[in-house]
Amino acid sequence: MAHFTASADLVHDTTANLFGESASWTPSSGGSAQVVQVNFNNPDKSQALGDLSAMDWEFTALDTWIEYRLDQFPGLATAVANKTAETIVLTDQNGAALGSFRVTKTMKVWDGHTVKAQLVLIP
């Protein structure tokens, strides 16, 4: 399993560094800010599904989320599970602000080593 974990970490780090965004989290319980590169999904338009029985069907993803490694943001999943208000601040690779987001849910994905955090933009 160690080889799989090392490979999964390598793939995550490579995609996060090439295509990802910078995420900063300061625990609401106190402590210093933690900054890591994450994979960020922020759907902003509908996706056509093609001709399904001559009807124009669309899929609109509703969830904004990030993916990060289990060893990053220690304590975030527990804090969210305990219903504390946790905020992630995202910036793009050029340093431009993408916004502040409330973390509403976290879950481990299929590999057990990657965490997916659902986000809601804070206006």
PDB file of N, CA and C in Angstrom:
ATOM      1  N   MET A   1       0.819  -1.201   0.000  1.00  0.00           N
ATOM      2  CA  MET A   1       0.000   0.000   0.000  1.00  0.00           C
ATOM      3  C   MET A   1       0.861   1.264   0.000  1.00  0.00           C
ATOM      4  N   ALA A   2       2.077   1.162   0.507  1.00  0.00           N
ATOM      5  CA  ALA A   2       2.962   2.325   0.552  1.00  0.00           C
ATOM      6  C   ALA A   2       3.287   2.836  -0.851  1.00  0.00           C
ATOM      7  N   HIS A   3       3.444   1.919  -1.808  1.00  0.00           N
ATOM      8  CA  HIS A   3       3.727   2.345  -3.180  1.00  0.00           C
ATOM      9  C   HIS A   3       2.538   3.083  -3.774  1.00  0.00           C
ATOM     10  N   PHE A   4       1.330   2.587  -3.506  1.00  0.00           N
ATOM     11  CA  PHE A   4       0.133   3.262  -4.004  1.00  0.00           C
ATOM     12  C   PHE A   4       0.015   4.657  -3.393  1.00  0.00           C
ATOM     13  N   THR A   5       0.217   4.765  -2.091  1.00  0.00           N
ATOM     14  CA  THR A   5       0.112   6.059  -1.409  1.00  0.00           C
ATOM     15  C   THR A   5       1.136   7.037  -1.952  1.00  0.00           C
ATOM     16  N   ALA A   6       2.369   6.571  -2.144  1.00  0.00           N
ATOM     17  CA  ALA A   6       3.408   7.443  -2.686  1.00  0.00           C
ATOM     18  C   ALA A   6       3.047   7.900  -4.098  1.00  0.00           C
ATOM     19  N   SER A   7       2.508   6.998  -4.892  1.00  0.00           N
ATOM     20  CA  SER A   7       2.097   7.351  -6.259  1.00  0.00           C
ATOM     21  C   SER A   7       0.924   8.333  -6.241  1.00  0.00           C
ATOM     22  N   ALA A   8      -0.048   8.088  -5.361  1.00  0.00           N
ATOM     23  CA  ALA A   8      -1.203   8.990  -5.248  1.00  0.00           C
ATOM     24  C   ALA A   8      -0.754  10.381  -4.817  1.00  0.00           C
ATOM     25  N   ASP A   9       0.172  10.448  -3.862  1.00  0.00           N
ATOM     26  CA  ASP A   9       0.697  11.746  -3.421  1.00  0.00           C
ATOM     27  C   ASP A   9       1.404  12.463  -4.566  1.00  0.00           C
ATOM     28  N   LEU A  10       2.183  11.724  -5.338  1.00  0.00           N
ATOM     29  CA  LEU A  10       2.902  12.309  -6.462  1.00  0.00           C
ATOM     30  C   LEU A  10       1.937  12.874  -7.500  1.00  0.00           C
ATOM     31  N   VAL A  11       0.907  12.116  -7.833  1.00  0.00           N
ATOM     32  CA  VAL A  11      -0.086  12.588  -8.812  1.00  0.00           C
ATOM     33  C   VAL A  11      -0.811  13.820  -8.276  1.00  0.00           C
ATOM     34  N   HIS A  12      -1.235  13.770  -7.013  1.00  0.00           N
ATOM     35  CA  HIS A  12      -1.932  14.923  -6.428  1.00  0.00           C
ATOM     36  C   HIS A  12      -1.037  16.152  -6.433  1.00  0.00           C
ATOM     37  N   ASP A  13       0.190  15.998  -5.957  1.00  0.00           N
ATOM     38  CA  ASP A  13       1.096  17.146  -5.886  1.00  0.00           C
ATOM     39  C   ASP A  13       1.388  17.711  -7.271  1.00  0.00           C
ATOM     40  N   THR A  14       1.542  16.836  -8.258  1.00  0.00           N
ATOM     41  CA  THR A  14       1.820  17.294  -9.617  1.00  0.00           C
ATOM     42  C   THR A  14       0.642  18.083 -10.180  1.00  0.00           C
ATOM     43  N   THR A  15      -0.573  17.548 -10.064  1.00  0.00           N
ATOM     44  CA  THR A  15      -1.733  18.271 -10.600  1.00  0.00           C
ATOM     45  C   THR A  15      -1.993  19.558  -9.822  1.00  0.00           C
ATOM     46  N   ALA A  16      -1.826  19.517  -8.505  1.00  0.00           N
ATOM     47  CA  ALA A  16      -2.061  20.720  -7.693  1.00  0.00           C
ATOM     48  C   ALA A  16      -1.039  21.812  -8.019  1.00  0.00           C
ATOM     49  N   ASN A  17       0.205  21.420  -8.248  1.00  0.00           N
ATOM     50  CA  ASN A  17       1.229  22.409  -8.569  1.00  0.00           C
ATOM     51  C   ASN A  17       1.082  22.958  -9.984  1.00  0.00           C
ATOM     52  N   LEU A  18       0.649  22.118 -10.918  1.00  0.00           N
ATOM     53  CA  LEU A  18       0.502  22.576 -12.301  1.00  0.00           C
ATOM     54  C   LEU A  18      -0.805  23.333 -12.541  1.00  0.00           C
ATOM     55  N   PHE A  19      -1.891  22.821 -11.977  1.00  0.00           N
ATOM     56  CA  PHE A  19      -3.217  23.361 -12.302  1.00  0.00           C
ATOM     57  C   PHE A  19      -3.964  23.904 -11.080  1.00  0.00           C
ATOM     58  N   GLY A  20      -3.463  23.662  -9.907  1.00  0.00           N
ATOM     59  CA  GLY A  20      -4.205  23.968  -8.687  1.00  0.00           C
ATOM     60  C   GLY A  20      -4.116  25.412  -8.244  1.00  0.00           C
ATOM     61  N   GLU A  21      -4.697  25.629  -7.100  1.00  0.00           N
ATOM     62  CA  GLU A  21      -4.741  26.964  -6.498  1.00  0.00           C
ATOM     63  C   GLU A  21      -4.162  26.890  -5.092  1.00  0.00           C
ATOM     64  N   SER A  22      -3.804  28.035  -4.567  1.00  0.00           N
ATOM     65  CA  SER A  22      -3.282  28.114  -3.206  1.00  0.00           C
ATOM     66  C   SER A  22      -4.453  28.277  -2.235  1.00  0.00           C
ATOM     67  N   ALA A  23      -4.481  27.433  -1.206  1.00  0.00           N
ATOM     68  CA  ALA A  23      -5.550  27.482  -0.204  1.00  0.00           C
ATOM     69  C   ALA A  23      -4.940  27.768   1.157  1.00  0.00           C
ATOM     70  N   SER A  24      -5.531  28.696   1.860  1.00  0.00           N
ATOM     71  CA  SER A  24      -5.073  29.058   3.197  1.00  0.00           C
ATOM     72  C   SER A  24      -6.200  28.802   4.186  1.00  0.00           C
ATOM     73  N   TRP A  25      -5.862  28.116   5.287  1.00  0.00           N
ATOM     74  CA  TRP A  25      -6.830  27.849   6.340  1.00  0.00           C
ATOM     75  C   TRP A  25      -6.203  28.179   7.684  1.00  0.00           C
ATOM     76  N   THR A  26      -6.876  29.022   8.448  1.00  0.00           N
ATOM     77  CA  THR A  26      -6.495  29.305   9.824  1.00  0.00           C
ATOM     78  C   THR A  26      -7.578  28.697  10.699  1.00  0.00           C
ATOM     79  N   PRO A  27      -7.229  27.688  11.518  1.00  0.00           N
ATOM     80  CA  PRO A  27      -8.253  27.035  12.343  1.00  0.00           C
ATOM     81  C   PRO A  27      -9.019  28.037  13.196  1.00  0.00           C
ATOM     82  N   SER A  28     -10.331  27.894  13.254  1.00  0.00           N
ATOM     83  CA  SER A  28     -11.148  28.805  14.062  1.00  0.00           C
ATOM     84  C   SER A  28     -10.835  28.669  15.540  1.00  0.00           C
ATOM     85  N   SER A  29     -10.268  27.536  15.924  1.00  0.00           N
ATOM     86  CA  SER A  29      -9.899  27.326  17.327  1.00  0.00           C
ATOM     87  C   SER A  29      -8.576  27.986  17.687  1.00  0.00           C
ATOM     88  N   GLY A  30      -7.923  28.570  16.692  1.00  0.00           N
ATOM     89  CA  GLY A  30      -6.644  29.233  16.923  1.00  0.00           C
ATOM     90  C   GLY A  30      -5.505  28.475  16.262  1.00  0.00           C
ATOM     91  N   GLY A  31      -4.399  29.150  16.127  1.00  0.00           N
ATOM     92  CA  GLY A  31      -3.247  28.544  15.478  1.00  0.00           C
ATOM     93  C   GLY A  31      -2.850  29.345  14.261  1.00  0.00           C
ATOM     94  N   SER A  32      -1.757  28.953  13.679  1.00  0.00           N
ATOM     95  CA  SER A  32      -1.249  29.691  12.528  1.00  0.00           C
ATOM     96  C   SER A  32      -1.884  29.199  11.233  1.00  0.00           C
ATOM     97  N   ALA A  33      -1.817  30.054  10.235  1.00  0.00           N
ATOM     98  CA  ALA A  33      -2.380  29.732   8.928  1.00  0.00           C
ATOM     99  C   ALA A  33      -1.592  28.596   8.286  1.00  0.00           C
ATOM    100  N   GLN A  34      -2.316  27.715   7.636  1.00  0.00           N
ATOM    101  CA  GLN A  34      -1.724  26.621   6.878  1.00  0.00           C
ATOM    102  C   GLN A  34      -2.032  26.899   5.406  1.00  0.00           C
ATOM    103  N   VAL A  35      -1.007  26.865   4.573  1.00  0.00           N
ATOM    104  CA  VAL A  35      -1.179  27.158   3.148  1.00  0.00           C
ATOM    105  C   VAL A  35      -0.672  25.966   2.344  1.00  0.00           C
ATOM    106  N   VAL A  36      -1.527  25.432   1.465  1.00  0.00           N
ATOM    107  CA  VAL A  36      -1.159  24.303   0.611  1.00  0.00           C
ATOM    108  C   VAL A  36      -1.729  24.513  -0.783  1.00  0.00           C
ATOM    109  N   GLN A  37      -1.192  23.795  -1.752  1.00  0.00           N
ATOM    110  CA  GLN A  37      -1.736  23.770  -3.108  1.00  0.00           C
ATOM    111  C   GLN A  37      -2.822  22.702  -3.161  1.00  0.00           C
ATOM    112  N   VAL A  38      -3.976  23.060  -3.713  1.00  0.00           N
ATOM    113  CA  VAL A  38      -5.115  22.144  -3.784  1.00  0.00           C
ATOM    114  C   VAL A  38      -5.643  22.089  -5.208  1.00  0.00           C
ATOM    115  N   ASN A  39      -6.389  21.044  -5.491  1.00  0.00           N
ATOM    116  CA  ASN A  39      -7.154  20.968  -6.730  1.00  0.00           C
ATOM    117  C   ASN A  39      -8.508  21.604  -6.437  1.00  0.00           C
ATOM    118  N   PHE A  40      -8.903  22.573  -7.263  1.00  0.00           N
ATOM    119  CA  PHE A  40     -10.099  23.381  -7.015  1.00  0.00           C
ATOM    120  C   PHE A  40     -11.085  23.194  -8.158  1.00  0.00           C
ATOM    121  N   ASN A  41     -12.334  22.900  -7.822  1.00  0.00           N
ATOM    122  CA  ASN A  41     -13.407  22.780  -8.806  1.00  0.00           C
ATOM    123  C   ASN A  41     -14.484  23.802  -8.464  1.00  0.00           C
ATOM    124  N   ASN A  42     -14.700  24.727  -9.387  1.00  0.00           N
ATOM    125  CA  ASN A  42     -15.710  25.762  -9.192  1.00  0.00           C
ATOM    126  C   ASN A  42     -16.542  25.869 -10.467  1.00  0.00           C
ATOM    127  N   PRO A  43     -17.569  25.033 -10.585  1.00  0.00           N
ATOM    128  CA  PRO A  43     -18.357  25.033 -11.822  1.00  0.00           C
ATOM    129  C   PRO A  43     -19.048  26.378 -12.025  1.00  0.00           C
ATOM    130  N   ASP A  44     -18.959  26.872 -13.252  1.00  0.00           N
ATOM    131  CA  ASP A  44     -19.564  28.169 -13.527  1.00  0.00           C
ATOM    132  C   ASP A  44     -20.457  28.179 -14.759  1.00  0.00           C
ATOM    133  N   LYS A  45     -20.623  27.017 -15.396  1.00  0.00           N
ATOM    134  CA  LYS A  45     -21.528  26.983 -16.546  1.00  0.00           C
ATOM    135  C   LYS A  45     -22.064  25.568 -16.726  1.00  0.00           C
ATOM    136  N   SER A  46     -23.150  25.481 -17.470  1.00  0.00           N
ATOM    137  CA  SER A  46     -23.783  24.196 -17.731  1.00  0.00           C
ATOM    138  C   SER A  46     -22.989  23.409 -18.759  1.00  0.00           C
ATOM    139  N   GLN A  47     -23.115  22.111 -18.695  1.00  0.00           N
ATOM    140  CA  GLN A  47     -22.472  21.206 -19.638  1.00  0.00           C
ATOM    141  C   GLN A  47     -23.553  20.526 -20.465  1.00  0.00           C
ATOM    142  N   ALA A  48     -23.485  20.665 -21.774  1.00  0.00           N
ATOM    143  CA  ALA A  48     -24.467  20.015 -22.643  1.00  0.00           C
ATOM    144  C   ALA A  48     -24.277  18.505 -22.595  1.00  0.00           C
ATOM    145  N   LEU A  49     -25.372  17.771 -22.551  1.00  0.00           N
ATOM    146  CA  LEU A  49     -25.318  16.320 -22.505  1.00  0.00           C
ATOM    147  C   LEU A  49     -25.574  15.693 -23.863  1.00  0.00           C
ATOM    148  N   GLY A  50     -25.781  16.494 -24.863  1.00  0.00           N
ATOM    149  CA  GLY A  50     -26.008  15.951 -26.189  1.00  0.00           C
ATOM    150  C   GLY A  50     -27.485  15.737 -26.469  1.00  0.00           C
ATOM    151  N   ASP A  51     -27.738  15.108 -27.583  1.00  0.00           N
ATOM    152  CA  ASP A  51     -29.102  14.881 -28.033  1.00  0.00           C
ATOM    153  C   ASP A  51     -29.666  13.628 -27.377  1.00  0.00           C
ATOM    154  N   LEU A  52     -30.429  13.805 -26.344  1.00  0.00           N
ATOM    155  CA  LEU A  52     -31.088  12.691 -25.664  1.00  0.00           C
ATOM    156  C   LEU A  52     -32.561  12.740 -26.039  1.00  0.00           C
ATOM    157  N   SER A  53     -32.934  11.914 -26.986  1.00  0.00           N
ATOM    158  CA  SER A  53     -34.306  11.860 -27.487  1.00  0.00           C
ATOM    159  C   SER A  53     -34.756  13.218 -28.014  1.00  0.00           C
ATOM    160  N   ALA A  54     -33.854  13.886 -28.721  1.00  0.00           N
ATOM    161  CA  ALA A  54     -34.137  15.168 -29.365  1.00  0.00           C
ATOM    162  C   ALA A  54     -34.499  16.273 -28.379  1.00  0.00           C
ATOM    163  N   MET A  55     -34.096  16.125 -27.132  1.00  0.00           N
ATOM    164  CA  MET A  55     -34.308  17.191 -26.152  1.00  0.00           C
ATOM    165  C   MET A  55     -32.951  17.769 -25.786  1.00  0.00           C
ATOM    166  N   ASP A  56     -32.907  19.027 -25.468  1.00  0.00           N
ATOM    167  CA  ASP A  56     -31.656  19.663 -25.071  1.00  0.00           C
ATOM    168  C   ASP A  56     -31.484  19.547 -23.565  1.00  0.00           C
ATOM    169  N   TRP A  57     -30.745  18.534 -23.142  1.00  0.00           N
ATOM    170  CA  TRP A  57     -30.493  18.304 -21.728  1.00  0.00           C
ATOM    171  C   TRP A  57     -29.176  18.947 -21.344  1.00  0.00           C
ATOM    172  N   GLU A  58     -29.138  19.487 -20.128  1.00  0.00           N
ATOM    173  CA  GLU A  58     -27.912  20.072 -19.601  1.00  0.00           C
ATOM    174  C   GLU A  58     -27.671  19.536 -18.199  1.00  0.00           C
ATOM    175  N   PHE A  59     -26.411  19.494 -17.847  1.00  0.00           N
ATOM    176  CA  PHE A  59     -26.024  19.158 -16.483  1.00  0.00           C
ATOM    177  C   PHE A  59     -25.327  20.370 -15.899  1.00  0.00           C
ATOM    178  N   THR A  60     -25.767  20.806 -14.742  1.00  0.00           N
ATOM    179  CA  THR A  60     -25.111  21.909 -14.053  1.00  0.00           C
ATOM    180  C   THR A  60     -24.625  21.391 -12.710  1.00  0.00           C
ATOM    181  N   ALA A  61     -23.309  21.361 -12.566  1.00  0.00           N
ATOM    182  CA  ALA A  61     -22.733  20.933 -11.284  1.00  0.00           C
ATOM    183  C   ALA A  61     -23.014  22.012 -10.246  1.00  0.00           C
ATOM    184  N   LEU A  62     -23.414  21.594  -9.081  1.00  0.00           N
ATOM    185  CA  LEU A  62     -23.788  22.554  -8.044  1.00  0.00           C
ATOM    186  C   LEU A  62     -22.733  22.726  -6.974  1.00  0.00           C
ATOM    187  N   ASP A  63     -21.794  21.800  -6.907  1.00  0.00           N
ATOM    188  CA  ASP A  63     -20.836  21.828  -5.807  1.00  0.00           C
ATOM    189  C   ASP A  63     -19.513  22.474  -6.193  1.00  0.00           C
ATOM    190  N   THR A  64     -19.051  23.338  -5.325  1.00  0.00           N
ATOM    191  CA  THR A  64     -17.707  23.874  -5.401  1.00  0.00           C
ATOM    192  C   THR A  64     -16.905  23.129  -4.349  1.00  0.00           C
ATOM    193  N   TRP A  65     -15.715  22.650  -4.720  1.00  0.00           N
ATOM    194  CA  TRP A  65     -14.953  21.857  -3.782  1.00  0.00           C
ATOM    195  C   TRP A  65     -13.463  21.917  -4.071  1.00  0.00           C
ATOM    196  N   ILE A  66     -12.698  21.521  -3.065  1.00  0.00           N
ATOM    197  CA  ILE A  66     -11.259  21.352  -3.230  1.00  0.00           C
ATOM    198  C   ILE A  66     -10.907  19.924  -2.851  1.00  0.00           C
ATOM    199  N   GLU A  67      -9.784  19.452  -3.369  1.00  0.00           N
ATOM    200  CA  GLU A  67      -9.223  18.177  -2.948  1.00  0.00           C
ATOM    201  C   GLU A  67      -7.829  18.441  -2.406  1.00  0.00           C
ATOM    202  N   TYR A  68      -7.542  17.813  -1.271  1.00  0.00           N
ATOM    203  CA  TYR A  68      -6.219  17.943  -0.665  1.00  0.00           C
ATOM    204  C   TYR A  68      -5.816  16.608  -0.058  1.00  0.00           C
ATOM    205  N   ARG A  69      -4.525  16.453   0.199  1.00  0.00           N
ATOM    206  CA  ARG A  69      -4.024  15.210   0.797  1.00  0.00           C
ATOM    207  C   ARG A  69      -4.423  15.140   2.263  1.00  0.00           C
ATOM    208  N   LEU A  70      -4.586  13.931   2.756  1.00  0.00           N
ATOM    209  CA  LEU A  70      -5.008  13.695   4.134  1.00  0.00           C
ATOM    210  C   LEU A  70      -4.069  14.354   5.148  1.00  0.00           C
ATOM    211  N   ASP A  71      -2.771  14.416   4.823  1.00  0.00           N
ATOM    212  CA  ASP A  71      -1.810  15.002   5.764  1.00  0.00           C
ATOM    213  C   ASP A  71      -1.774  16.531   5.717  1.00  0.00           C
ATOM    214  N   GLN A  72      -2.542  17.130   4.808  1.00  0.00           N
ATOM    215  CA  GLN A  72      -2.645  18.583   4.741  1.00  0.00           C
ATOM    216  C   GLN A  72      -3.881  19.029   5.525  1.00  0.00           C
ATOM    217  N   PHE A  73      -3.871  20.233   6.037  1.00  0.00           N
ATOM    218  CA  PHE A  73      -4.981  20.772   6.834  1.00  0.00           C
ATOM    219  C   PHE A  73      -5.398  19.829   7.963  1.00  0.00           C
ATOM    220  N   PRO A  74      -4.447  19.391   8.799  1.00  0.00           N
ATOM    221  CA  PRO A  74      -4.839  18.513   9.908  1.00  0.00           C
ATOM    222  C   PRO A  74      -5.838  19.216  10.832  1.00  0.00           C
ATOM    223  N   GLY A  75      -6.895  18.523  11.153  1.00  0.00           N
ATOM    224  CA  GLY A  75      -7.924  19.063  12.041  1.00  0.00           C
ATOM    225  C   GLY A  75      -9.105  19.681  11.329  1.00  0.00           C
ATOM    226  N   LEU A  76      -8.991  19.960  10.034  1.00  0.00           N
ATOM    227  CA  LEU A  76     -10.097  20.607   9.318  1.00  0.00           C
ATOM    228  C   LEU A  76     -11.326  19.705   9.274  1.00  0.00           C
ATOM    229  N   ALA A  77     -11.157  18.452   8.905  1.00  0.00           N
ATOM    230  CA  ALA A  77     -12.303  17.539   8.805  1.00  0.00           C
ATOM    231  C   ALA A  77     -13.001  17.379  10.149  1.00  0.00           C
ATOM    232  N   THR A  78     -12.235  17.268  11.215  1.00  0.00           N
ATOM    233  CA  THR A  78     -12.818  17.131  12.552  1.00  0.00           C
ATOM    234  C   THR A  78     -13.576  18.390  12.943  1.00  0.00           C
ATOM    235  N   ALA A  79     -12.992  19.557  12.652  1.00  0.00           N
ATOM    236  CA  ALA A  79     -13.654  20.821  12.989  1.00  0.00           C
ATOM    237  C   ALA A  79     -14.974  20.962  12.235  1.00  0.00           C
ATOM    238  N   VAL A  80     -14.981  20.598  10.967  1.00  0.00           N
ATOM    239  CA  VAL A  80     -16.212  20.696  10.160  1.00  0.00           C
ATOM    240  C   VAL A  80     -17.248  19.702  10.677  1.00  0.00           C
ATOM    241  N   ALA A  81     -16.802  18.492  11.028  1.00  0.00           N
ATOM    242  CA  ALA A  81     -17.726  17.489  11.576  1.00  0.00           C
ATOM    243  C   ALA A  81     -18.338  17.959  12.892  1.00  0.00           C
ATOM    244  N   ASN A  82     -17.596  18.785  13.642  1.00  0.00           N
ATOM    245  CA  ASN A  82     -18.092  19.337  14.904  1.00  0.00           C
ATOM    246  C   ASN A  82     -18.880  20.627  14.715  1.00  0.00           C
ATOM    247  N   LYS A  83     -19.176  20.944  13.453  1.00  0.00           N
ATOM    248  CA  LYS A  83     -20.034  22.086  13.092  1.00  0.00           C
ATOM    249  C   LYS A  83     -19.423  23.449  13.414  1.00  0.00           C
ATOM    250  N   THR A  84     -18.088  23.546  13.416  1.00  0.00           N
ATOM    251  CA  THR A  84     -17.479  24.864  13.578  1.00  0.00           C
ATOM    252  C   THR A  84     -17.377  25.531  12.207  1.00  0.00           C
ATOM    253  N   ALA A  85     -17.411  26.845  12.204  1.00  0.00           N
ATOM    254  CA  ALA A  85     -17.349  27.604  10.956  1.00  0.00           C
ATOM    255  C   ALA A  85     -15.890  27.739  10.531  1.00  0.00           C
ATOM    256  N   GLU A  86     -15.517  26.999   9.510  1.00  0.00           N
ATOM    257  CA  GLU A  86     -14.138  27.026   9.012  1.00  0.00           C
ATOM    258  C   GLU A  86     -14.113  27.676   7.636  1.00  0.00           C
ATOM    259  N   THR A  87     -13.107  28.504   7.400  1.00  0.00           N
ATOM    260  CA  THR A  87     -13.001  29.275   6.174  1.00  0.00           C
ATOM    261  C   THR A  87     -11.693  28.967   5.451  1.00  0.00           C
ATOM    262  N   ILE A  88     -11.807  28.753   4.148  1.00  0.00           N
ATOM    263  CA  ILE A  88     -10.648  28.570   3.269  1.00  0.00           C
ATOM    264  C   ILE A  88     -10.579  29.792   2.358  1.00  0.00           C
ATOM    265  N   VAL A  89      -9.400  30.375   2.224  1.00  0.00           N
ATOM    266  CA  VAL A  89      -9.191  31.495   1.313  1.00  0.00           C
ATOM    267  C   VAL A  89      -8.353  30.976   0.148  1.00  0.00           C
ATOM    268  N   LEU A  90      -8.869  31.174  -1.071  1.00  0.00           N
ATOM    269  CA  LEU A  90      -8.189  30.674  -2.267  1.00  0.00           C
ATOM    270  C   LEU A  90      -7.625  31.815  -3.100  1.00  0.00           C
ATOM    271  N   THR A  91      -6.430  31.586  -3.634  1.00  0.00           N
ATOM    272  CA  THR A  91      -5.821  32.502  -4.592  1.00  0.00           C
ATOM    273  C   THR A  91      -5.341  31.680  -5.784  1.00  0.00           C
ATOM    274  N   ASP A  92      -5.356  32.310  -6.957  1.00  0.00           N
ATOM    275  CA  ASP A  92      -4.912  31.576  -8.143  1.00  0.00           C
ATOM    276  C   ASP A  92      -3.391  31.595  -8.240  1.00  0.00           C
ATOM    277  N   GLN A  93      -2.857  31.000  -9.294  1.00  0.00           N
ATOM    278  CA  GLN A  93      -1.411  30.870  -9.430  1.00  0.00           C
ATOM    279  C   GLN A  93      -0.710  32.205  -9.660  1.00  0.00           C
ATOM    280  N   ASN A  94      -1.484  33.239  -9.989  1.00  0.00           N
ATOM    281  CA  ASN A  94      -0.911  34.581 -10.151  1.00  0.00           C
ATOM    282  C   ASN A  94      -1.075  35.421  -8.894  1.00  0.00           C
ATOM    283  N   GLY A  95      -1.640  34.829  -7.848  1.00  0.00           N
ATOM    284  CA  GLY A  95      -1.823  35.544  -6.593  1.00  0.00           C
ATOM    285  C   GLY A  95      -3.127  36.315  -6.496  1.00  0.00           C
ATOM    286  N   ALA A  96      -3.983  36.225  -7.510  1.00  0.00           N
ATOM    287  CA  ALA A  96      -5.265  36.933  -7.481  1.00  0.00           C
ATOM    288  C   ALA A  96      -6.253  36.186  -6.592  1.00  0.00           C
ATOM    289  N   ALA A  97      -6.998  36.931  -5.807  1.00  0.00           N
ATOM    290  CA  ALA A  97      -7.967  36.335  -4.890  1.00  0.00           C
ATOM    291  C   ALA A  97      -9.112  35.678  -5.655  1.00  0.00           C
ATOM    292  N   LEU A  98      -9.437  34.454  -5.265  1.00  0.00           N
ATOM    293  CA  LEU A  98     -10.597  33.753  -5.819  1.00  0.00           C
ATOM    294  C   LEU A  98     -11.776  33.812  -4.860  1.00  0.00           C
ATOM    295  N   GLY A  99     -11.518  34.169  -3.620  1.00  0.00           N
ATOM    296  CA  GLY A  99     -12.586  34.330  -2.651  1.00  0.00           C
ATOM    297  C   GLY A  99     -12.349  33.574  -1.362  1.00  0.00           C
ATOM    298  N   SER A 100     -13.212  33.870  -0.412  1.00  0.00           N
ATOM    299  CA  SER A 100     -13.241  33.155   0.858  1.00  0.00           C
ATOM    300  C   SER A 100     -14.442  32.226   0.826  1.00  0.00           C
ATOM    301  N   PHE A 101     -14.226  30.999   1.291  1.00  0.00           N
ATOM    302  CA  PHE A 101     -15.248  29.966   1.211  1.00  0.00           C
ATOM    303  C   PHE A 101     -15.456  29.304   2.566  1.00  0.00           C
ATOM    304  N   ARG A 102     -16.700  29.040   2.914  1.00  0.00           N
ATOM    305  CA  ARG A 102     -17.047  28.271   4.102  1.00  0.00           C
ATOM    306  C   ARG A 102     -16.972  26.796   3.733  1.00  0.00           C
ATOM    307  N   VAL A 103     -16.327  26.006   4.585  1.00  0.00           N
ATOM    308  CA  VAL A 103     -16.251  24.561   4.368  1.00  0.00           C
ATOM    309  C   VAL A 103     -17.499  23.952   5.003  1.00  0.00           C
ATOM    310  N   THR A 104     -18.329  23.304   4.180  1.00  0.00           N
ATOM    311  CA  THR A 104     -19.595  22.767   4.682  1.00  0.00           C
ATOM    312  C   THR A 104     -19.554  21.266   4.935  1.00  0.00           C
ATOM    313  N   LYS A 105     -18.626  20.568   4.278  1.00  0.00           N
ATOM    314  CA  LYS A 105     -18.555  19.126   4.441  1.00  0.00           C
ATOM    315  C   LYS A 105     -17.192  18.655   3.957  1.00  0.00           C
ATOM    316  N   THR A 106     -16.662  17.623   4.602  1.00  0.00           N
ATOM    317  CA  THR A 106     -15.449  16.973   4.108  1.00  0.00           C
ATOM    318  C   THR A 106     -15.703  15.475   4.035  1.00  0.00           C
ATOM    319  N   MET A 107     -15.006  14.820   3.119  1.00  0.00           N
ATOM    320  CA  MET A 107     -15.110  13.358   3.010  1.00  0.00           C
ATOM    321  C   MET A 107     -13.843  12.819   2.371  1.00  0.00           C
ATOM    322  N   LYS A 108     -13.449  11.644   2.802  1.00  0.00           N
ATOM    323  CA  LYS A 108     -12.341  10.969   2.138  1.00  0.00           C
ATOM    324  C   LYS A 108     -12.867  10.389   0.841  1.00  0.00           C
ATOM    325  N   VAL A 109     -12.051  10.451  -0.196  1.00  0.00           N
ATOM    326  CA  VAL A 109     -12.448   9.850  -1.466  1.00  0.00           C
ATOM    327  C   VAL A 109     -11.996   8.400  -1.497  1.00  0.00           C
ATOM    328  N   TRP A 110     -12.229   7.718  -2.598  1.00  0.00           N
ATOM    329  CA  TRP A 110     -12.058   6.276  -2.721  1.00  0.00           C
ATOM    330  C   TRP A 110     -10.706   5.762  -2.267  1.00  0.00           C
ATOM    331  N   ASP A 111      -9.629   6.541  -2.411  1.00  0.00           N
ATOM    332  CA  ASP A 111      -8.307   6.034  -2.047  1.00  0.00           C
ATOM    333  C   ASP A 111      -8.028   6.112  -0.550  1.00  0.00           C
ATOM    334  N   GLY A 112      -8.884   6.809   0.195  1.00  0.00           N
ATOM    335  CA  GLY A 112      -8.710   6.930   1.636  1.00  0.00           C
ATOM    336  C   GLY A 112      -7.596   7.870   2.048  1.00  0.00           C
ATOM    337  N   HIS A 113      -6.931   8.472   1.079  1.00  0.00           N
ATOM    338  CA  HIS A 113      -5.783   9.329   1.368  1.00  0.00           C
ATOM    339  C   HIS A 113      -5.984  10.759   0.867  1.00  0.00           C
ATOM    340  N   THR A 114      -7.072  10.957   0.135  1.00  0.00           N
ATOM    341  CA  THR A 114      -7.404  12.269  -0.401  1.00  0.00           C
ATOM    342  C   THR A 114      -8.706  12.722   0.242  1.00  0.00           C
ATOM    343  N   VAL A 115      -8.775  14.011   0.567  1.00  0.00           N
ATOM    344  CA  VAL A 115      -9.966  14.571   1.184  1.00  0.00           C
ATOM    345  C   VAL A 115     -10.597  15.555   0.213  1.00  0.00           C
ATOM    346  N   LYS A 116     -11.903  15.482   0.106  1.00  0.00           N
ATOM    347  CA  LYS A 116     -12.687  16.405  -0.713  1.00  0.00           C
ATOM    348  C   LYS A 116     -13.474  17.285   0.254  1.00  0.00           C
ATOM    349  N   ALA A 117     -13.330  18.592   0.114  1.00  0.00           N
ATOM    350  CA  ALA A 117     -14.050  19.535   0.981  1.00  0.00           C
ATOM    351  C   ALA A 117     -15.010  20.357   0.134  1.00  0.00           C
ATOM    352  N   GLN A 118     -16.283  20.311   0.508  1.00  0.00           N
ATOM    353  CA  GLN A 118     -17.310  21.090  -0.182  1.00  0.00           C
ATOM    354  C   GLN A 118     -17.265  22.519   0.334  1.00  0.00           C
ATOM    355  N   LEU A 119     -17.343  23.488  -0.582  1.00  0.00           N
ATOM    356  CA  LEU A 119     -17.207  24.905  -0.229  1.00  0.00           C
ATOM    357  C   LEU A 119     -18.429  25.706  -0.667  1.00  0.00           C
ATOM    358  N   VAL A 120     -18.683  26.784   0.075  1.00  0.00           N
ATOM    359  CA  VAL A 120     -19.710  27.759  -0.299  1.00  0.00           C
ATOM    360  C   VAL A 120     -19.059  29.127  -0.222  1.00  0.00           C
ATOM    361  N   LEU A 121     -19.174  29.891  -1.311  1.00  0.00           N
ATOM    362  CA  LEU A 121     -18.580  31.221  -1.362  1.00  0.00           C
ATOM    363  C   LEU A 121     -19.197  32.124  -0.302  1.00  0.00           C
ATOM    364  N   ILE A 122     -18.339  32.838   0.421  1.00  0.00           N
ATOM    365  CA  ILE A 122     -18.806  33.805   1.402  1.00  0.00           C
ATOM    366  C   ILE A 122     -18.903  35.153   0.688  1.00  0.00           C
ATOM    367  N   PRO A 123     -20.116  35.717   0.597  1.00  0.00           N
ATOM    368  CA  PRO A 123     -20.273  36.981  -0.151  1.00  0.00           C
ATOM    369  C   PRO A 123     -19.576  38.133   0.538  1.00  0.00           C
TER     370      PRO A 123
END
